[in-house]
PDB file of N, CA and C in Angstrom:
ATOM      1  N   UNK A   1     -22.355  43.707 -29.387  1.00  0.00           N
ATOM      2  CA  UNK A   1     -22.232  42.390 -28.774  1.00  0.00           C
ATOM      3  C   UNK A   1     -22.388  42.577 -27.354  1.00  0.00           C
ATOM      4  N   UNK A   2     -23.323  41.584 -26.736  1.00  0.00           N
ATOM      5  CA  UNK A   2     -23.488  41.894 -25.238  1.00  0.00           C
ATOM      6  C   UNK A   2     -22.742  40.584 -24.482  1.00  0.00           C
ATOM      7  N   UNK A   3     -21.661  41.012 -23.774  1.00  0.00           N
ATOM      8  CA  UNK A   3     -20.908  40.209 -22.993  1.00  0.00           C
ATOM      9  C   UNK A   3     -21.776  39.514 -21.864  1.00  0.00           C
ATOM     10  N   UNK A   4     -21.839  38.189 -21.940  1.00  0.00           N
ATOM     11  CA  UNK A   4     -22.284  37.415 -20.851  1.00  0.00           C
ATOM     12  C   UNK A   4     -21.529  36.511 -20.153  1.00  0.00           C
ATOM     13  N   UNK A   5     -20.194  36.325 -20.540  1.00  0.00           N
ATOM     14  CA  UNK A   5     -19.221  35.696 -19.773  1.00  0.00           C
ATOM     15  C   UNK A   5     -18.074  36.596 -19.906  1.00  0.00           C
ATOM     16  N   UNK A   6     -17.148  36.555 -18.751  1.00  0.00           N
ATOM     17  CA  UNK A   6     -15.991  37.252 -18.725  1.00  0.00           C
ATOM     18  C   UNK A   6     -14.938  36.611 -20.035  1.00  0.00           C
ATOM     19  N   UNK A   7     -14.105  37.303 -20.463  1.00  0.00           N
ATOM     20  CA  UNK A   7     -13.073  36.996 -21.334  1.00  0.00           C
ATOM     21  C   UNK A   7     -12.383  35.696 -20.954  1.00  0.00           C
ATOM     22  N   UNK A   8     -12.307  34.999 -21.941  1.00  0.00           N
ATOM     23  CA  UNK A   8     -11.606  33.763 -21.741  1.00  0.00           C
ATOM     24  C   UNK A   8     -10.359  33.613 -22.528  1.00  0.00           C
ATOM     25  N   UNK A   9      -9.214  33.604 -21.598  1.00  0.00           N
ATOM     26  CA  UNK A   9      -7.737  33.503 -22.204  1.00  0.00           C
ATOM     27  C   UNK A   9      -7.058  32.444 -22.034  1.00  0.00           C
ATOM     28  N   UNK A  10      -7.699  31.229 -21.672  1.00  0.00           N
ATOM     29  CA  UNK A  10      -7.042  30.150 -21.389  1.00  0.00           C
ATOM     30  C   UNK A  10      -6.479  29.219 -22.638  1.00  0.00           C
ATOM     31  N   UNK A  11      -6.967  29.570 -23.844  1.00  0.00           N
ATOM     32  CA  UNK A  11      -6.511  28.874 -25.015  1.00  0.00           C
ATOM     33  C   UNK A  11      -5.284  29.656 -25.466  1.00  0.00           C
ATOM     34  N   UNK A  12      -4.295  29.048 -25.805  1.00  0.00           N
ATOM     35  CA  UNK A  12      -2.959  30.052 -26.061  1.00  0.00           C
ATOM     36  C   UNK A  12      -3.163  30.307 -27.416  1.00  0.00           C
ATOM     37  N   UNK A  13      -2.588  31.596 -27.609  1.00  0.00           N
ATOM     38  CA  UNK A  13      -2.335  32.140 -29.044  1.00  0.00           C
ATOM     39  C   UNK A  13      -1.618  30.919 -29.728  1.00  0.00           C
ATOM     40  N   UNK A  14      -2.251  30.315 -30.915  1.00  0.00           N
ATOM     41  CA  UNK A  14      -1.380  29.291 -31.595  1.00  0.00           C
ATOM     42  C   UNK A  14      -1.002  30.072 -32.822  1.00  0.00           C
ATOM     43  N   UNK A  15       0.141  30.821 -32.771  1.00  0.00           N
ATOM     44  CA  UNK A  15       0.530  31.322 -34.124  1.00  0.00           C
ATOM     45  C   UNK A  15       2.067  30.830 -34.248  1.00  0.00           C
ATOM     46  N   UNK A  16       2.406  29.737 -33.704  1.00  0.00           N
ATOM     47  CA  UNK A  16       3.753  29.206 -33.876  1.00  0.00           C
ATOM     48  C   UNK A  16       3.365  28.030 -34.882  1.00  0.00           C
ATOM     49  N   UNK A  17       4.182  28.129 -35.821  1.00  0.00           N
ATOM     50  CA  UNK A  17       3.882  26.833 -36.702  1.00  0.00           C
ATOM     51  C   UNK A  17       3.294  27.187 -37.970  1.00  0.00           C
ATOM     52  N   UNK A  18       2.623  26.412 -38.702  1.00  0.00           N
ATOM     53  CA  UNK A  18       2.127  26.751 -39.895  1.00  0.00           C
ATOM     54  C   UNK A  18       0.856  27.601 -39.894  1.00  0.00           C
ATOM     55  N   UNK A  19       0.696  28.200 -41.090  1.00  0.00           N
ATOM     56  CA  UNK A  19      -0.549  29.139 -41.287  1.00  0.00           C
ATOM     57  C   UNK A  19      -1.730  28.422 -40.832  1.00  0.00           C
ATOM     58  N   UNK A  20      -1.867  27.082 -41.175  1.00  0.00           N
ATOM     59  CA  UNK A  20      -3.124  26.286 -40.780  1.00  0.00           C
ATOM     60  C   UNK A  20      -3.139  26.067 -39.377  1.00  0.00           C
ATOM     61  N   UNK A  21      -2.179  25.787 -38.621  1.00  0.00           N
ATOM     62  CA  UNK A  21      -2.281  25.837 -37.105  1.00  0.00           C
ATOM     63  C   UNK A  21      -2.684  27.216 -36.560  1.00  0.00           C
ATOM     64  N   UNK A  22      -2.218  28.291 -37.131  1.00  0.00           N
ATOM     65  CA  UNK A  22      -2.665  29.534 -36.593  1.00  0.00           C
ATOM     66  C   UNK A  22      -4.135  29.792 -36.946  1.00  0.00           C
ATOM     67  N   UNK A  23      -4.559  29.219 -38.127  1.00  0.00           N
ATOM     68  CA  UNK A  23      -6.066  29.514 -38.497  1.00  0.00           C
ATOM     69  C   UNK A  23      -6.978  28.703 -37.676  1.00  0.00           C
ATOM     70  N   UNK A  24      -6.692  27.477 -37.333  1.00  0.00           N
ATOM     71  CA  UNK A  24      -7.590  26.755 -36.638  1.00  0.00           C
ATOM     72  C   UNK A  24      -7.625  27.089 -35.277  1.00  0.00           C
ATOM     73  N   UNK A  25      -6.473  27.531 -34.517  1.00  0.00           N
ATOM     74  CA  UNK A  25      -6.420  28.112 -33.250  1.00  0.00           C
ATOM     75  C   UNK A  25      -7.273  29.300 -33.211  1.00  0.00           C
ATOM     76  N   UNK A  26      -7.208  30.135 -34.360  1.00  0.00           N
ATOM     77  CA  UNK A  26      -8.125  31.407 -34.365  1.00  0.00           C
ATOM     78  C   UNK A  26      -9.680  30.927 -34.177  1.00  0.00           C
ATOM     79  N   UNK A  27      -9.743  29.874 -35.081  1.00  0.00           N
ATOM     80  CA  UNK A  27     -11.430  29.336 -35.039  1.00  0.00           C
ATOM     81  C   UNK A  27     -11.863  28.960 -33.613  1.00  0.00           C
ATOM     82  N   UNK A  28     -11.014  28.291 -32.940  1.00  0.00           N
ATOM     83  CA  UNK A  28     -11.148  28.107 -31.396  1.00  0.00           C
ATOM     84  C   UNK A  28     -11.456  29.141 -30.550  1.00  0.00           C
ATOM     85  N   UNK A  29     -10.512  30.167 -30.870  1.00  0.00           N
ATOM     86  CA  UNK A  29     -10.678  31.300 -30.113  1.00  0.00           C
ATOM     87  C   UNK A  29     -11.832  32.306 -30.310  1.00  0.00           C
ATOM     88  N   UNK A  30     -12.351  32.158 -31.732  1.00  0.00           N
ATOM     89  CA  UNK A  30     -13.357  32.897 -32.119  1.00  0.00           C
ATOM     90  C   UNK A  30     -14.707  32.151 -31.548  1.00  0.00           C
ATOM     91  N   UNK A  31     -14.680  31.016 -31.431  1.00  0.00           N
ATOM     92  CA  UNK A  31     -16.027  30.195 -30.771  1.00  0.00           C
ATOM     93  C   UNK A  31     -16.040  30.402 -29.408  1.00  0.00           C
ATOM     94  N   UNK A  32     -14.961  30.656 -28.655  1.00  0.00           N
ATOM     95  CA  UNK A  32     -15.002  31.023 -27.287  1.00  0.00           C
ATOM     96  C   UNK A  32     -15.672  32.482 -27.230  1.00  0.00           C
ATOM     97  N   UNK A  33     -14.781  33.370 -28.017  1.00  0.00           N
ATOM     98  CA  UNK A  33     -15.658  34.558 -27.953  1.00  0.00           C
ATOM     99  C   UNK A  33     -17.268  34.637 -28.405  1.00  0.00           C
ATOM    100  N   UNK A  34     -17.385  33.837 -29.196  1.00  0.00           N
ATOM    101  CA  UNK A  34     -18.809  33.895 -29.507  1.00  0.00           C
ATOM    102  C   UNK A  34     -19.821  33.242 -28.395  1.00  0.00           C
ATOM    103  N   UNK A  35     -19.189  32.573 -27.489  1.00  0.00           N
ATOM    104  CA  UNK A  35     -20.031  32.259 -26.192  1.00  0.00           C
ATOM    105  C   UNK A  35     -20.415  33.488 -25.405  1.00  0.00           C
ATOM    106  N   UNK A  36     -19.947  34.662 -25.719  1.00  0.00           N
ATOM    107  CA  UNK A  36     -20.354  35.837 -25.115  1.00  0.00           C
ATOM    108  C   UNK A  36     -21.015  36.988 -25.924  1.00  0.00           C
ATOM    109  N   UNK A  37     -21.615  36.353 -27.150  1.00  0.00           N
ATOM    110  CA  UNK A  37     -22.433  37.006 -28.016  1.00  0.00           C
ATOM    111  C   UNK A  37     -23.797  36.267 -27.864  1.00  0.00           C
ATOM    112  N   UNK A  38     -24.758  36.839 -27.276  1.00  0.00           N
ATOM    113  CA  UNK A  38     -26.179  36.110 -27.402  1.00  0.00           C
ATOM    114  C   UNK A  38     -26.598  35.758 -28.538  1.00  0.00           C
ATOM    115  N   UNK A  39     -26.207  36.261 -29.705  1.00  0.00           N
ATOM    116  CA  UNK A  39     -26.704  35.807 -31.056  1.00  0.00           C
ATOM    117  C   UNK A  39     -25.939  34.273 -31.404  1.00  0.00           C
ATOM    118  N   UNK A  40     -24.751  34.455 -30.881  1.00  0.00           N
ATOM    119  CA  UNK A  40     -23.781  33.268 -31.467  1.00  0.00           C
ATOM    120  C   UNK A  40     -23.810  32.128 -30.203  1.00  0.00           C
ATOM    121  N   UNK A  41     -24.283  32.362 -29.186  1.00  0.00           N
ATOM    122  CA  UNK A  41     -23.677  31.429 -28.018  1.00  0.00           C
ATOM    123  C   UNK A  41     -24.477  29.949 -28.283  1.00  0.00           C
ATOM    124  N   UNK A  42     -25.578  30.017 -28.761  1.00  0.00           N
ATOM    125  CA  UNK A  42     -26.218  28.564 -28.894  1.00  0.00           C
ATOM    126  C   UNK A  42     -25.306  27.677 -29.841  1.00  0.00           C
ATOM    127  N   UNK A  43     -25.104  28.422 -31.101  1.00  0.00           N
ATOM    128  CA  UNK A  43     -24.246  27.661 -32.095  1.00  0.00           C
ATOM    129  C   UNK A  43     -22.980  27.043 -31.561  1.00  0.00           C
ATOM    130  N   UNK A  44     -22.329  28.021 -30.714  1.00  0.00           N
ATOM    131  CA  UNK A  44     -20.942  28.043 -30.288  1.00  0.00           C
ATOM    132  C   UNK A  44     -21.086  26.825 -29.012  1.00  0.00           C
ATOM    133  N   UNK A  45     -21.848  26.858 -28.323  1.00  0.00           N
ATOM    134  CA  UNK A  45     -21.963  25.838 -27.328  1.00  0.00           C
ATOM    135  C   UNK A  45     -22.496  24.253 -27.980  1.00  0.00           C
ATOM    136  N   UNK A  46     -23.237  24.274 -29.045  1.00  0.00           N
ATOM    137  CA  UNK A  46     -23.314  22.975 -29.729  1.00  0.00           C
ATOM    138  C   UNK A  46     -21.792  22.482 -30.479  1.00  0.00           C
ATOM    139  N   UNK A  47     -21.256  23.556 -30.854  1.00  0.00           N
ATOM    140  CA  UNK A  47     -19.935  23.225 -31.589  1.00  0.00           C
ATOM    141  C   UNK A  47     -18.997  22.554 -30.652  1.00  0.00           C
ATOM    142  N   UNK A  48     -18.835  23.311 -29.355  1.00  0.00           N
ATOM    143  CA  UNK A  48     -17.922  22.664 -28.428  1.00  0.00           C
ATOM    144  C   UNK A  48     -18.424  21.344 -27.673  1.00  0.00           C
ATOM    145  N   UNK A  49     -19.595  21.052 -27.352  1.00  0.00           N
ATOM    146  CA  UNK A  49     -20.042  19.904 -27.101  1.00  0.00           C
ATOM    147  C   UNK A  49     -20.237  18.821 -28.028  1.00  0.00           C
ATOM    148  N   UNK A  50     -20.178  18.872 -29.382  1.00  0.00           N
ATOM    149  CA  UNK A  50     -20.332  17.817 -30.313  1.00  0.00           C
ATOM    150  C   UNK A  50     -19.216  16.828 -29.916  1.00  0.00           C
ATOM    151  N   UNK A  51     -19.439  15.538 -30.262  1.00  0.00           N
ATOM    152  CA  UNK A  51     -18.438  14.541 -30.237  1.00  0.00           C
ATOM    153  C   UNK A  51     -18.056  13.969 -31.481  1.00  0.00           C
ATOM    154  N   UNK A  52     -18.272  14.759 -32.543  1.00  0.00           N
ATOM    155  CA  UNK A  52     -17.830  14.630 -33.836  1.00  0.00           C
ATOM    156  C   UNK A  52     -16.408  14.698 -34.042  1.00  0.00           C
ATOM    157  N   UNK A  53     -15.767  14.136 -35.012  1.00  0.00           N
ATOM    158  CA  UNK A  53     -14.128  14.230 -35.401  1.00  0.00           C
ATOM    159  C   UNK A  53     -14.087  14.707 -36.600  1.00  0.00           C
ATOM    160  N   UNK A  54     -14.982  15.013 -37.560  1.00  0.00           N
ATOM    161  CA  UNK A  54     -14.777  15.323 -38.820  1.00  0.00           C
ATOM    162  C   UNK A  54     -13.977  16.796 -38.910  1.00  0.00           C
ATOM    163  N   UNK A  55     -13.692  16.789 -40.213  1.00  0.00           N
ATOM    164  CA  UNK A  55     -12.917  18.094 -40.575  1.00  0.00           C
ATOM    165  C   UNK A  55     -13.771  19.246 -39.971  1.00  0.00           C
ATOM    166  N   UNK A  56     -13.237  20.291 -39.248  1.00  0.00           N
ATOM    167  CA  UNK A  56     -13.838  21.609 -38.722  1.00  0.00           C
ATOM    168  C   UNK A  56     -14.613  21.481 -37.320  1.00  0.00           C
ATOM    169  N   UNK A  57     -14.799  20.232 -37.000  1.00  0.00           N
ATOM    170  CA  UNK A  57     -15.481  20.073 -35.779  1.00  0.00           C
ATOM    171  C   UNK A  57     -14.281  20.472 -34.513  1.00  0.00           C
ATOM    172  N   UNK A  58     -14.908  20.532 -33.463  1.00  0.00           N
ATOM    173  CA  UNK A  58     -14.249  21.265 -32.199  1.00  0.00           C
ATOM    174  C   UNK A  58     -13.323  20.049 -32.047  1.00  0.00           C
ATOM    175  N   UNK A  59     -13.475  18.678 -31.788  1.00  0.00           N
ATOM    176  CA  UNK A  59     -12.407  18.006 -31.698  1.00  0.00           C
ATOM    177  C   UNK A  59     -11.288  17.832 -32.730  1.00  0.00           C
ATOM    178  N   UNK A  60     -11.583  17.896 -33.828  1.00  0.00           N
ATOM    179  CA  UNK A  60     -10.593  18.073 -35.061  1.00  0.00           C
ATOM    180  C   UNK A  60      -9.818  19.319 -34.965  1.00  0.00           C
ATOM    181  N   UNK A  61     -10.361  20.241 -34.683  1.00  0.00           N
ATOM    182  CA  UNK A  61      -9.500  21.706 -34.560  1.00  0.00           C
ATOM    183  C   UNK A  61      -8.755  21.560 -33.465  1.00  0.00           C
ATOM    184  N   UNK A  62      -9.162  21.137 -32.273  1.00  0.00           N
ATOM    185  CA  UNK A  62      -8.135  20.887 -31.073  1.00  0.00           C
ATOM    186  C   UNK A  62      -6.929  19.942 -31.421  1.00  0.00           C
ATOM    187  N   UNK A  63      -7.439  18.692 -32.048  1.00  0.00           N
ATOM    188  CA  UNK A  63      -6.296  17.866 -32.192  1.00  0.00           C
ATOM    189  C   UNK A  63      -5.334  18.568 -33.296  1.00  0.00           C
ATOM    190  N   UNK A  64      -5.916  19.186 -34.343  1.00  0.00           N
ATOM    191  CA  UNK A  64      -4.856  19.669 -35.313  1.00  0.00           C
ATOM    192  C   UNK A  64      -4.017  20.720 -34.576  1.00  0.00           C
ATOM    193  N   UNK A  65      -4.365  21.533 -33.599  1.00  0.00           N
ATOM    194  CA  UNK A  65      -3.444  22.550 -32.996  1.00  0.00           C
ATOM    195  C   UNK A  65      -2.619  21.968 -31.830  1.00  0.00           C
ATOM    196  N   UNK A  66      -3.265  20.712 -31.324  1.00  0.00           N
ATOM    197  CA  UNK A  66      -2.186  20.043 -30.208  1.00  0.00           C
ATOM    198  C   UNK A  66      -2.927  20.495 -29.098  1.00  0.00           C
ATOM    199  N   UNK A  67      -4.465  20.669 -29.026  1.00  0.00           N
ATOM    200  CA  UNK A  67      -5.147  20.846 -27.736  1.00  0.00           C
ATOM    201  C   UNK A  67      -5.756  19.477 -27.307  1.00  0.00           C
ATOM    202  N   UNK A  68      -5.953  19.341 -25.985  1.00  0.00           N
ATOM    203  CA  UNK A  68      -6.968  18.217 -25.654  1.00  0.00           C
ATOM    204  C   UNK A  68      -8.407  18.830 -25.575  1.00  0.00           C
ATOM    205  N   UNK A  69      -9.366  18.508 -26.369  1.00  0.00           N
ATOM    206  CA  UNK A  69     -10.705  18.849 -26.480  1.00  0.00           C
ATOM    207  C   UNK A  69     -11.378  18.688 -24.921  1.00  0.00           C
ATOM    208  N   UNK A  70     -11.082  17.676 -24.273  1.00  0.00           N
ATOM    209  CA  UNK A  70     -11.754  17.674 -23.048  1.00  0.00           C
ATOM    210  C   UNK A  70     -11.180  18.615 -22.135  1.00  0.00           C
ATOM    211  N   UNK A  71      -9.882  18.930 -21.913  1.00  0.00           N
ATOM    212  CA  UNK A  71      -9.268  19.839 -21.118  1.00  0.00           C
ATOM    213  C   UNK A  71      -9.766  21.238 -21.632  1.00  0.00           C
ATOM    214  N   UNK A  72     -10.159  21.583 -22.655  1.00  0.00           N
ATOM    215  CA  UNK A  72     -10.511  22.655 -23.283  1.00  0.00           C
ATOM    216  C   UNK A  72     -12.010  23.016 -22.692  1.00  0.00           C
ATOM    217  N   UNK A  73     -12.844  21.761 -22.879  1.00  0.00           N
ATOM    218  CA  UNK A  73     -14.179  21.649 -22.276  1.00  0.00           C
ATOM    219  C   UNK A  73     -14.145  22.039 -20.943  1.00  0.00           C
ATOM    220  N   UNK A  74     -13.519  21.324 -20.104  1.00  0.00           N
ATOM    221  CA  UNK A  74     -13.304  21.471 -18.713  1.00  0.00           C
ATOM    222  C   UNK A  74     -13.154  23.058 -18.454  1.00  0.00           C
ATOM    223  N   UNK A  75     -12.023  23.510 -18.868  1.00  0.00           N
ATOM    224  CA  UNK A  75     -11.796  25.043 -18.446  1.00  0.00           C
ATOM    225  C   UNK A  75     -12.861  25.785 -18.875  1.00  0.00           C
ATOM    226  N   UNK A  76     -13.506  25.600 -20.258  1.00  0.00           N
ATOM    227  CA  UNK A  76     -14.826  26.387 -20.410  1.00  0.00           C
ATOM    228  C   UNK A  76     -15.872  26.331 -19.076  1.00  0.00           C
ATOM    229  N   UNK A  77     -16.154  25.109 -18.949  1.00  0.00           N
ATOM    230  CA  UNK A  77     -16.829  24.905 -17.948  1.00  0.00           C
ATOM    231  C   UNK A  77     -16.701  25.448 -16.548  1.00  0.00           C
ATOM    232  N   UNK A  78     -15.417  25.534 -16.354  1.00  0.00           N
ATOM    233  CA  UNK A  78     -14.896  26.318 -14.897  1.00  0.00           C
ATOM    234  C   UNK A  78     -15.154  27.688 -15.213  1.00  0.00           C
ATOM    235  N   UNK A  79     -14.674  28.546 -16.219  1.00  0.00           N
ATOM    236  CA  UNK A  79     -14.940  29.819 -16.486  1.00  0.00           C
ATOM    237  C   UNK A  79     -16.421  30.155 -16.388  1.00  0.00           C
ATOM    238  N   UNK A  80     -17.223  29.058 -16.952  1.00  0.00           N
ATOM    239  CA  UNK A  80     -18.469  29.621 -17.096  1.00  0.00           C
ATOM    240  C   UNK A  80     -19.200  29.399 -15.589  1.00  0.00           C
ATOM    241  N   UNK A  81     -18.557  28.729 -14.845  1.00  0.00           N
ATOM    242  CA  UNK A  81     -19.111  28.163 -13.368  1.00  0.00           C
ATOM    243  C   UNK A  81     -20.017  27.121 -13.216  1.00  0.00           C
ATOM    244  N   UNK A  82     -19.908  26.169 -14.394  1.00  0.00           N
ATOM    245  CA  UNK A  82     -20.953  25.024 -14.370  1.00  0.00           C
ATOM    246  C   UNK A  82     -20.290  23.707 -14.537  1.00  0.00           C
ATOM    247  N   UNK A  83     -20.844  22.657 -14.223  1.00  0.00           N
ATOM    248  CA  UNK A  83     -20.160  21.461 -14.575  1.00  0.00           C
ATOM    249  C   UNK A  83     -20.111  20.961 -15.931  1.00  0.00           C
ATOM    250  N   UNK A  84     -19.124  20.376 -16.294  1.00  0.00           N
ATOM    251  CA  UNK A  84     -18.907  20.106 -17.766  1.00  0.00           C
ATOM    252  C   UNK A  84     -20.181  19.280 -18.276  1.00  0.00           C
ATOM    253  N   UNK A  85     -20.788  18.428 -17.560  1.00  0.00           N
ATOM    254  CA  UNK A  85     -21.973  17.822 -18.137  1.00  0.00           C
ATOM    255  C   UNK A  85     -23.275  18.797 -18.432  1.00  0.00           C
ATOM    256  N   UNK A  86     -23.113  19.927 -17.604  1.00  0.00           N
ATOM    257  CA  UNK A  86     -23.939  20.699 -17.937  1.00  0.00           C
ATOM    258  C   UNK A  86     -23.718  21.932 -19.087  1.00  0.00           C
ATOM    259  N   UNK A  87     -22.694  21.867 -19.546  1.00  0.00           N
ATOM    260  CA  UNK A  87     -22.384  22.917 -20.809  1.00  0.00           C
ATOM    261  C   UNK A  87     -23.503  23.086 -21.768  1.00  0.00           C
ATOM    262  N   UNK A  88     -24.017  21.773 -22.246  1.00  0.00           N
ATOM    263  CA  UNK A  88     -25.172  21.585 -23.071  1.00  0.00           C
ATOM    264  C   UNK A  88     -26.346  22.203 -22.713  1.00  0.00           C
ATOM    265  N   UNK A  89     -26.585  22.523 -21.433  1.00  0.00           N
ATOM    266  CA  UNK A  89     -27.891  23.336 -20.991  1.00  0.00           C
ATOM    267  C   UNK A  89     -27.614  24.849 -20.819  1.00  0.00           C
ATOM    268  N   UNK A  90     -26.710  25.412 -21.115  1.00  0.00           N
ATOM    269  CA  UNK A  90     -26.457  26.783 -20.699  1.00  0.00           C
ATOM    270  C   UNK A  90     -27.282  27.413 -21.873  1.00  0.00           C
TER     271      UNK A  90
END
């Protein structure tokens, strides 16, 4: 795996609560890690910028584990050094 962004640790470990909360928190953290993998980056970006709310979508995962999707997107944009509106263009 080629790292193209620094490690992102702003999403807390979500291992308090049910196994399902732990699982969906791990999905979000994996997608953040995927931003650093040149082979997975495009799919991860599309997942993060999607406005869908269905099961397994970024918005749904965040809601399930108690995170604000817009706050996570903003933090991602800041870590990547780009404006949130340009996240889709990375």
